[in-house]
């Protein structure tokens, strides 16, 4: 993986964590879906090999996470993003 790919995967993971853990008063559930749905659609168009590589990167980031709540959300990110089939 290139530095760019790792950075983009990390940024995507961070967005999922922040959206998932945000207070419902700050970001409505509907807004979260609105933000993530186009991303999910794009990711589903990736070849299986690329989706698997992204899952592996996200899992690496989850392992590195020290906050238990953020770590759990990171572990769930591949499913949230529709990467697991």
PDB file of N, CA and C in Angstrom:
ATOM      1  N   UNK A   1       0.829  -1.185   0.000  1.00  0.00           N
ATOM      2  CA  UNK A   1       0.000   0.000   0.000  1.00  0.00           C
ATOM      3  C   UNK A   1       0.877   1.253   0.000  1.00  0.00           C
ATOM      4  N   UNK A   2       0.442   2.214  -0.751  1.00  0.00           N
ATOM      5  CA  UNK A   2       1.169   3.476  -0.794  1.00  0.00           C
ATOM      6  C   UNK A   2       0.794   4.337   0.412  1.00  0.00           C
ATOM      7  N   UNK A   3       1.572   5.367   0.643  1.00  0.00           N
ATOM      8  CA  UNK A   3       1.275   6.310   1.717  1.00  0.00           C
ATOM      9  C   UNK A   3      -0.079   6.960   1.479  1.00  0.00           C
ATOM     10  N   UNK A   4      -0.377   7.284   0.238  1.00  0.00           N
ATOM     11  CA  UNK A   4      -1.660   7.887  -0.093  1.00  0.00           C
ATOM     12  C   UNK A   4      -2.811   6.941   0.248  1.00  0.00           C
ATOM     13  N   UNK A   5      -2.686   5.685  -0.138  1.00  0.00           N
ATOM     14  CA  UNK A   5      -3.743   4.711   0.143  1.00  0.00           C
ATOM     15  C   UNK A   5      -3.939   4.516   1.644  1.00  0.00           C
ATOM     16  N   UNK A   6      -2.851   4.427   2.379  1.00  0.00           N
ATOM     17  CA  UNK A   6      -2.951   4.274   3.838  1.00  0.00           C
ATOM     18  C   UNK A   6      -3.599   5.499   4.468  1.00  0.00           C
ATOM     19  N   UNK A   7      -3.212   6.676   4.002  1.00  0.00           N
ATOM     20  CA  UNK A   7      -3.749   7.915   4.561  1.00  0.00           C
ATOM     21  C   UNK A   7      -5.242   8.031   4.266  1.00  0.00           C
ATOM     22  N   UNK A   8      -5.653   7.708   3.046  1.00  0.00           N
ATOM     23  CA  UNK A   8      -7.069   7.769   2.700  1.00  0.00           C
ATOM     24  C   UNK A   8      -7.878   6.739   3.488  1.00  0.00           C
ATOM     25  N   UNK A   9      -7.339   5.556   3.669  1.00  0.00           N
ATOM     26  CA  UNK A   9      -8.023   4.525   4.453  1.00  0.00           C
ATOM     27  C   UNK A   9      -8.146   4.959   5.910  1.00  0.00           C
ATOM     28  N   UNK A  10      -7.105   5.565   6.442  1.00  0.00           N
ATOM     29  CA  UNK A  10      -7.134   6.050   7.825  1.00  0.00           C
ATOM     30  C   UNK A  10      -8.165   7.174   7.955  1.00  0.00           C
ATOM     31  N   UNK A  11      -8.196   8.083   6.984  1.00  0.00           N
ATOM     32  CA  UNK A  11      -9.160   9.185   7.012  1.00  0.00           C
ATOM     33  C   UNK A  11     -10.587   8.643   6.958  1.00  0.00           C
ATOM     34  N   UNK A  12     -10.831   7.670   6.103  1.00  0.00           N
ATOM     35  CA  UNK A  12     -12.158   7.071   5.996  1.00  0.00           C
ATOM     36  C   UNK A  12     -12.561   6.407   7.313  1.00  0.00           C
ATOM     37  N   UNK A  13     -11.627   5.701   7.923  1.00  0.00           N
ATOM     38  CA  UNK A  13     -11.895   5.068   9.215  1.00  0.00           C
ATOM     39  C   UNK A  13     -12.222   6.120  10.264  1.00  0.00           C
ATOM     40  N   UNK A  14     -11.488   7.199  10.272  1.00  0.00           N
ATOM     41  CA  UNK A  14     -11.725   8.278  11.237  1.00  0.00           C
ATOM     42  C   UNK A  14     -13.105   8.897  11.031  1.00  0.00           C
ATOM     43  N   UNK A  15     -13.512   9.075   9.796  1.00  0.00           N
ATOM     44  CA  UNK A  15     -14.839   9.637   9.513  1.00  0.00           C
ATOM     45  C   UNK A  15     -15.926   8.705  10.052  1.00  0.00           C
ATOM     46  N   UNK A  16     -15.789   7.409   9.796  1.00  0.00           N
ATOM     47  CA  UNK A  16     -16.778   6.452  10.282  1.00  0.00           C
ATOM     48  C   UNK A  16     -16.838   6.496  11.804  1.00  0.00           C
ATOM     49  N   UNK A  17     -15.695   6.525  12.461  1.00  0.00           N
ATOM     50  CA  UNK A  17     -15.657   6.571  13.928  1.00  0.00           C
ATOM     51  C   UNK A  17     -16.348   7.830  14.434  1.00  0.00           C
ATOM     52  N   UNK A  18     -15.970   8.971  13.875  1.00  0.00           N
ATOM     53  CA  UNK A  18     -16.543  10.245  14.340  1.00  0.00           C
ATOM     54  C   UNK A  18     -18.047  10.305  14.124  1.00  0.00           C
ATOM     55  N   UNK A  19     -18.508   9.859  12.953  1.00  0.00           N
ATOM     56  CA  UNK A  19     -19.945   9.874  12.684  1.00  0.00           C
ATOM     57  C   UNK A  19     -20.686   8.926  13.623  1.00  0.00           C
ATOM     58  N   UNK A  20     -20.135   7.740  13.813  1.00  0.00           N
ATOM     59  CA  UNK A  20     -20.795   6.742  14.646  1.00  0.00           C
ATOM     60  C   UNK A  20     -20.855   7.159  16.109  1.00  0.00           C
ATOM     61  N   UNK A  21     -19.806   7.774  16.584  1.00  0.00           N
ATOM     62  CA  UNK A  21     -19.736   8.127  18.003  1.00  0.00           C
ATOM     63  C   UNK A  21     -20.253   9.528  18.315  1.00  0.00           C
ATOM     64  N   UNK A  22     -20.675  10.247  17.282  1.00  0.00           N
ATOM     65  CA  UNK A  22     -21.167  11.604  17.534  1.00  0.00           C
ATOM     66  C   UNK A  22     -22.500  11.542  18.259  1.00  0.00           C
ATOM     67  N   UNK A  23     -22.741  12.561  19.035  1.00  0.00           N
ATOM     68  CA  UNK A  23     -23.997  12.694  19.759  1.00  0.00           C
ATOM     69  C   UNK A  23     -25.126  12.873  18.745  1.00  0.00           C
ATOM     70  N   UNK A  24     -26.242  12.207  18.960  1.00  0.00           N
ATOM     71  CA  UNK A  24     -27.367  12.317  18.030  1.00  0.00           C
ATOM     72  C   UNK A  24     -27.846  13.753  17.876  1.00  0.00           C
ATOM     73  N   UNK A  25     -27.618  14.573  18.887  1.00  0.00           N
ATOM     74  CA  UNK A  25     -27.994  15.985  18.783  1.00  0.00           C
ATOM     75  C   UNK A  25     -27.058  16.731  17.842  1.00  0.00           C
ATOM     76  N   UNK A  26     -25.836  16.252  17.710  1.00  0.00           N
ATOM     77  CA  UNK A  26     -24.854  16.909  16.848  1.00  0.00           C
ATOM     78  C   UNK A  26     -25.027  16.498  15.391  1.00  0.00           C
ATOM     79  N   UNK A  27     -25.190  15.203  15.166  1.00  0.00           N
ATOM     80  CA  UNK A  27     -25.360  14.673  13.803  1.00  0.00           C
ATOM     81  C   UNK A  27     -26.475  13.633  13.848  1.00  0.00           C
ATOM     82  N   UNK A  28     -27.554  13.925  13.178  1.00  0.00           N
ATOM     83  CA  UNK A  28     -28.690  12.997  13.139  1.00  0.00           C
ATOM     84  C   UNK A  28     -28.311  11.722  12.397  1.00  0.00           C
ATOM     85  N   UNK A  29     -28.931  10.632  12.782  1.00  0.00           N
ATOM     86  CA  UNK A  29     -28.669   9.344  12.129  1.00  0.00           C
ATOM     87  C   UNK A  29     -28.911   9.424  10.630  1.00  0.00           C
ATOM     88  N   UNK A  30     -29.932  10.167  10.232  1.00  0.00           N
ATOM     89  CA  UNK A  30     -30.239  10.311   8.812  1.00  0.00           C
ATOM     90  C   UNK A  30     -29.098  11.014   8.079  1.00  0.00           C
ATOM     91  N   UNK A  31     -28.489  11.992   8.738  1.00  0.00           N
ATOM     92  CA  UNK A  31     -27.368  12.713   8.126  1.00  0.00           C
ATOM     93  C   UNK A  31     -26.168  11.793   7.959  1.00  0.00           C
ATOM     94  N   UNK A  32     -25.939  10.939   8.928  1.00  0.00           N
ATOM     95  CA  UNK A  32     -24.842   9.979   8.843  1.00  0.00           C
ATOM     96  C   UNK A  32     -25.039   9.071   7.637  1.00  0.00           C
ATOM     97  N   UNK A  33     -26.242   8.572   7.462  1.00  0.00           N
ATOM     98  CA  UNK A  33     -26.539   7.711   6.318  1.00  0.00           C
ATOM     99  C   UNK A  33     -26.348   8.482   5.021  1.00  0.00           C
ATOM    100  N   UNK A  34     -26.800   9.728   4.998  1.00  0.00           N
ATOM    101  CA  UNK A  34     -26.657  10.562   3.801  1.00  0.00           C
ATOM    102  C   UNK A  34     -25.197  10.757   3.418  1.00  0.00           C
ATOM    103  N   UNK A  35     -24.350  10.903   4.412  1.00  0.00           N
ATOM    104  CA  UNK A  35     -22.924  11.100   4.163  1.00  0.00           C
ATOM    105  C   UNK A  35     -22.272   9.797   3.703  1.00  0.00           C
ATOM    106  N   UNK A  36     -22.597   8.704   4.358  1.00  0.00           N
ATOM    107  CA  UNK A  36     -21.915   7.444   4.085  1.00  0.00           C
ATOM    108  C   UNK A  36     -22.429   6.701   2.853  1.00  0.00           C
ATOM    109  N   UNK A  37     -23.681   6.866   2.497  1.00  0.00           N
ATOM    110  CA  UNK A  37     -24.237   6.065   1.402  1.00  0.00           C
ATOM    111  C   UNK A  37     -23.494   6.234   0.078  1.00  0.00           C
ATOM    112  N   UNK A  38     -23.150   7.451  -0.345  1.00  0.00           N
ATOM    113  CA  UNK A  38     -22.389   7.567  -1.599  1.00  0.00           C
ATOM    114  C   UNK A  38     -21.015   6.898  -1.513  1.00  0.00           C
ATOM    115  N   UNK A  39     -20.415   6.949  -0.331  1.00  0.00           N
ATOM    116  CA  UNK A  39     -19.111   6.309  -0.127  1.00  0.00           C
ATOM    117  C   UNK A  39     -19.265   4.792  -0.225  1.00  0.00           C
ATOM    118  N   UNK A  40     -20.293   4.268   0.409  1.00  0.00           N
ATOM    119  CA  UNK A  40     -20.562   2.825   0.356  1.00  0.00           C
ATOM    120  C   UNK A  40     -20.761   2.384  -1.090  1.00  0.00           C
ATOM    121  N   UNK A  41     -21.526   3.165  -1.839  1.00  0.00           N
ATOM    122  CA  UNK A  41     -21.762   2.833  -3.247  1.00  0.00           C
ATOM    123  C   UNK A  41     -20.459   2.792  -4.037  1.00  0.00           C
ATOM    124  N   UNK A  42     -19.591   3.758  -3.814  1.00  0.00           N
ATOM    125  CA  UNK A  42     -18.298   3.775  -4.506  1.00  0.00           C
ATOM    126  C   UNK A  42     -17.444   2.574  -4.127  1.00  0.00           C
ATOM    127  N   UNK A  43     -17.405   2.262  -2.840  1.00  0.00           N
ATOM    128  CA  UNK A  43     -16.577   1.154  -2.377  1.00  0.00           C
ATOM    129  C   UNK A  43     -17.068  -0.186  -2.903  1.00  0.00           C
ATOM    130  N   UNK A  44     -18.366  -0.338  -3.091  1.00  0.00           N
ATOM    131  CA  UNK A  44     -18.905  -1.596  -3.597  1.00  0.00           C
ATOM    132  C   UNK A  44     -18.529  -1.831  -5.053  1.00  0.00           C
ATOM    133  N   UNK A  45     -18.145  -0.767  -5.750  1.00  0.00           N
ATOM    134  CA  UNK A  45     -17.698  -0.909  -7.139  1.00  0.00           C
ATOM    135  C   UNK A  45     -16.237  -1.350  -7.249  1.00  0.00           C
ATOM    136  N   UNK A  46     -15.517  -1.355  -6.127  1.00  0.00           N
ATOM    137  CA  UNK A  46     -14.119  -1.785  -6.149  1.00  0.00           C
ATOM    138  C   UNK A  46     -14.028  -3.289  -6.388  1.00  0.00           C
ATOM    139  N   UNK A  47     -12.953  -3.726  -7.027  1.00  0.00           N
ATOM    140  CA  UNK A  47     -12.729  -5.171  -7.146  1.00  0.00           C
ATOM    141  C   UNK A  47     -12.579  -5.788  -5.744  1.00  0.00           C
ATOM    142  N   UNK A  48     -12.951  -7.032  -5.623  1.00  0.00           N
ATOM    143  CA  UNK A  48     -12.905  -7.744  -4.336  1.00  0.00           C
ATOM    144  C   UNK A  48     -11.530  -7.635  -3.679  1.00  0.00           C
ATOM    145  N   UNK A  49     -10.477  -7.747  -4.464  1.00  0.00           N
ATOM    146  CA  UNK A  49      -9.115  -7.686  -3.926  1.00  0.00           C
ATOM    147  C   UNK A  49      -8.855  -6.325  -3.260  1.00  0.00           C
ATOM    148  N   UNK A  50      -9.317  -5.253  -3.873  1.00  0.00           N
ATOM    149  CA  UNK A  50      -9.125  -3.921  -3.306  1.00  0.00           C
ATOM    150  C   UNK A  50      -9.971  -3.732  -2.053  1.00  0.00           C
ATOM    151  N   UNK A  51     -11.189  -4.251  -2.077  1.00  0.00           N
ATOM    152  CA  UNK A  51     -12.040  -4.149  -0.882  1.00  0.00           C
ATOM    153  C   UNK A  51     -11.413  -4.904   0.281  1.00  0.00           C
ATOM    154  N   UNK A  52     -10.858  -6.079  -0.003  1.00  0.00           N
ATOM    155  CA  UNK A  52     -10.208  -6.862   1.052  1.00  0.00           C
ATOM    156  C   UNK A  52      -8.982  -6.132   1.603  1.00  0.00           C
ATOM    157  N   UNK A  53      -8.220  -5.506   0.721  1.00  0.00           N
ATOM    158  CA  UNK A  53      -7.045  -4.734   1.165  1.00  0.00           C
ATOM    159  C   UNK A  53      -7.470  -3.588   2.074  1.00  0.00           C
ATOM    160  N   UNK A  54      -8.586  -2.942   1.743  1.00  0.00           N
ATOM    161  CA  UNK A  54      -9.095  -1.853   2.581  1.00  0.00           C
ATOM    162  C   UNK A  54      -9.555  -2.384   3.938  1.00  0.00           C
ATOM    163  N   UNK A  55     -10.213  -3.526   3.939  1.00  0.00           N
ATOM    164  CA  UNK A  55     -10.620  -4.152   5.203  1.00  0.00           C
ATOM    165  C   UNK A  55      -9.398  -4.427   6.073  1.00  0.00           C
ATOM    166  N   UNK A  56      -8.353  -4.945   5.479  1.00  0.00           N
ATOM    167  CA  UNK A  56      -7.133  -5.245   6.242  1.00  0.00           C
ATOM    168  C   UNK A  56      -6.517  -3.983   6.832  1.00  0.00           C
ATOM    169  N   UNK A  57      -6.507  -2.905   6.068  1.00  0.00           N
ATOM    170  CA  UNK A  57      -5.986  -1.636   6.588  1.00  0.00           C
ATOM    171  C   UNK A  57      -6.834  -1.131   7.744  1.00  0.00           C
ATOM    172  N   UNK A  58      -8.139  -1.161   7.578  1.00  0.00           N
ATOM    173  CA  UNK A  58      -9.026  -0.699   8.654  1.00  0.00           C
ATOM    174  C   UNK A  58      -8.823  -1.553   9.898  1.00  0.00           C
ATOM    175  N   UNK A  59      -8.659  -2.847   9.730  1.00  0.00           N
ATOM    176  CA  UNK A  59      -8.415  -3.722  10.885  1.00  0.00           C
ATOM    177  C   UNK A  59      -7.090  -3.393  11.566  1.00  0.00           C
ATOM    178  N   UNK A  60      -6.083  -3.013  10.790  1.00  0.00           N
ATOM    179  CA  UNK A  60      -4.810  -2.573  11.383  1.00  0.00           C
ATOM    180  C   UNK A  60      -5.036  -1.332  12.240  1.00  0.00           C
ATOM    181  N   UNK A  61      -5.796  -0.387  11.702  1.00  0.00           N
ATOM    182  CA  UNK A  61      -6.067   0.837  12.456  1.00  0.00           C
ATOM    183  C   UNK A  61      -6.849   0.520  13.728  1.00  0.00           C
ATOM    184  N   UNK A  62      -7.771  -0.429  13.649  1.00  0.00           N
ATOM    185  CA  UNK A  62      -8.540  -0.827  14.827  1.00  0.00           C
ATOM    186  C   UNK A  62      -7.619  -1.411  15.901  1.00  0.00           C
ATOM    187  N   UNK A  63      -6.648  -2.222  15.482  1.00  0.00           N
ATOM    188  CA  UNK A  63      -5.706  -2.803  16.440  1.00  0.00           C
ATOM    189  C   UNK A  63      -4.876  -1.730  17.133  1.00  0.00           C
ATOM    190  N   UNK A  64      -4.570  -0.663  16.415  1.00  0.00           N
ATOM    191  CA  UNK A  64      -3.734   0.406  16.962  1.00  0.00           C
ATOM    192  C   UNK A  64      -4.503   1.350  17.867  1.00  0.00           C
ATOM    193  N   UNK A  65      -5.819   1.318  17.782  1.00  0.00           N
ATOM    194  CA  UNK A  65      -6.659   2.235  18.556  1.00  0.00           C
ATOM    195  C   UNK A  65      -6.589   1.873  20.040  1.00  0.00           C
ATOM    196  N   UNK A  66      -6.416   2.874  20.893  1.00  0.00           N
ATOM    197  CA  UNK A  66      -6.288   2.623  22.331  1.00  0.00           C
ATOM    198  C   UNK A  66      -7.592   2.861  23.094  1.00  0.00           C
ATOM    199  N   UNK A  67      -8.483   3.654  22.551  1.00  0.00           N
ATOM    200  CA  UNK A  67      -9.770   3.905  23.189  1.00  0.00           C
ATOM    201  C   UNK A  67     -10.719   2.755  22.835  1.00  0.00           C
ATOM    202  N   UNK A  68     -11.257   2.048  23.840  1.00  0.00           N
ATOM    203  CA  UNK A  68     -12.086   0.872  23.568  1.00  0.00           C
ATOM    204  C   UNK A  68     -13.312   1.160  22.684  1.00  0.00           C
ATOM    205  N   UNK A  69     -13.969   2.273  22.903  1.00  0.00           N
ATOM    206  CA  UNK A  69     -15.160   2.608  22.121  1.00  0.00           C
ATOM    207  C   UNK A  69     -14.799   2.894  20.662  1.00  0.00           C
ATOM    208  N   UNK A  70     -13.714   3.643  20.466  1.00  0.00           N
ATOM    209  CA  UNK A  70     -13.243   3.930  19.107  1.00  0.00           C
ATOM    210  C   UNK A  70     -12.752   2.645  18.434  1.00  0.00           C
ATOM    211  N   UNK A  71     -12.100   1.785  19.206  1.00  0.00           N
ATOM    212  CA  UNK A  71     -11.596   0.536  18.646  1.00  0.00           C
ATOM    213  C   UNK A  71     -12.752  -0.346  18.160  1.00  0.00           C
ATOM    214  N   UNK A  72     -13.791  -0.477  18.958  1.00  0.00           N
ATOM    215  CA  UNK A  72     -14.944  -1.274  18.563  1.00  0.00           C
ATOM    216  C   UNK A  72     -15.576  -0.715  17.291  1.00  0.00           C
ATOM    217  N   UNK A  73     -15.715   0.591  17.229  1.00  0.00           N
ATOM    218  CA  UNK A  73     -16.296   1.217  16.039  1.00  0.00           C
ATOM    219  C   UNK A  73     -15.409   0.992  14.820  1.00  0.00           C
ATOM    220  N   UNK A  74     -14.100   1.058  15.009  1.00  0.00           N
ATOM    221  CA  UNK A  74     -13.177   0.794  13.896  1.00  0.00           C
ATOM    222  C   UNK A  74     -13.297  -0.654  13.430  1.00  0.00           C
ATOM    223  N   UNK A  75     -13.431  -1.591  14.373  1.00  0.00           N
ATOM    224  CA  UNK A  75     -13.595  -3.002  13.998  1.00  0.00           C
ATOM    225  C   UNK A  75     -14.870  -3.193  13.181  1.00  0.00           C
ATOM    226  N   UNK A  76     -15.890  -2.392  13.483  1.00  0.00           N
ATOM    227  CA  UNK A  76     -17.176  -2.505  12.785  1.00  0.00           C
ATOM    228  C   UNK A  76     -17.197  -1.732  11.467  1.00  0.00           C
ATOM    229  N   UNK A  77     -16.211  -0.886  11.223  1.00  0.00           N
ATOM    230  CA  UNK A  77     -16.199  -0.022  10.038  1.00  0.00           C
ATOM    231  C   UNK A  77     -16.295  -0.791   8.715  1.00  0.00           C
ATOM    232  N   UNK A  78     -15.593  -1.910   8.533  1.00  0.00           N
ATOM    233  CA  UNK A  78     -15.736  -2.623   7.252  1.00  0.00           C
ATOM    234  C   UNK A  78     -17.186  -3.033   6.964  1.00  0.00           C
ATOM    235  N   UNK A  79     -17.890  -3.456   7.988  1.00  0.00           N
ATOM    236  CA  UNK A  79     -19.310  -3.818   7.811  1.00  0.00           C
ATOM    237  C   UNK A  79     -20.139  -2.564   7.538  1.00  0.00           C
ATOM    238  N   UNK A  80     -19.879  -1.511   8.301  1.00  0.00           N
ATOM    239  CA  UNK A  80     -20.589  -0.241   8.109  1.00  0.00           C
ATOM    240  C   UNK A  80     -20.440   0.257   6.680  1.00  0.00           C
ATOM    241  N   UNK A  81     -19.255   0.073   6.109  1.00  0.00           N
ATOM    242  CA  UNK A  81     -18.963   0.553   4.767  1.00  0.00           C
ATOM    243  C   UNK A  81     -19.341  -0.441   3.665  1.00  0.00           C
ATOM    244  N   UNK A  82     -19.963  -1.536   4.041  1.00  0.00           N
ATOM    245  CA  UNK A  82     -20.416  -2.509   3.053  1.00  0.00           C
ATOM    246  C   UNK A  82     -19.290  -3.270   2.370  1.00  0.00           C
ATOM    247  N   UNK A  83     -18.148  -3.370   3.038  1.00  0.00           N
ATOM    248  CA  UNK A  83     -16.997  -4.043   2.440  1.00  0.00           C
ATOM    249  C   UNK A  83     -17.025  -5.564   2.617  1.00  0.00           C
ATOM    250  N   UNK A  84     -17.830  -6.031   3.549  1.00  0.00           N
ATOM    251  CA  UNK A  84     -17.899  -7.468   3.818  1.00  0.00           C
ATOM    252  C   UNK A  84     -19.091  -8.062   3.083  1.00  0.00           C
ATOM    253  N   UNK A  85     -18.822  -9.079   2.305  1.00  0.00           N
ATOM    254  CA  UNK A  85     -19.910  -9.696   1.533  1.00  0.00           C
ATOM    255  C   UNK A  85     -20.146 -11.111   1.982  1.00  0.00           C
TER     256      UNK A  85
END
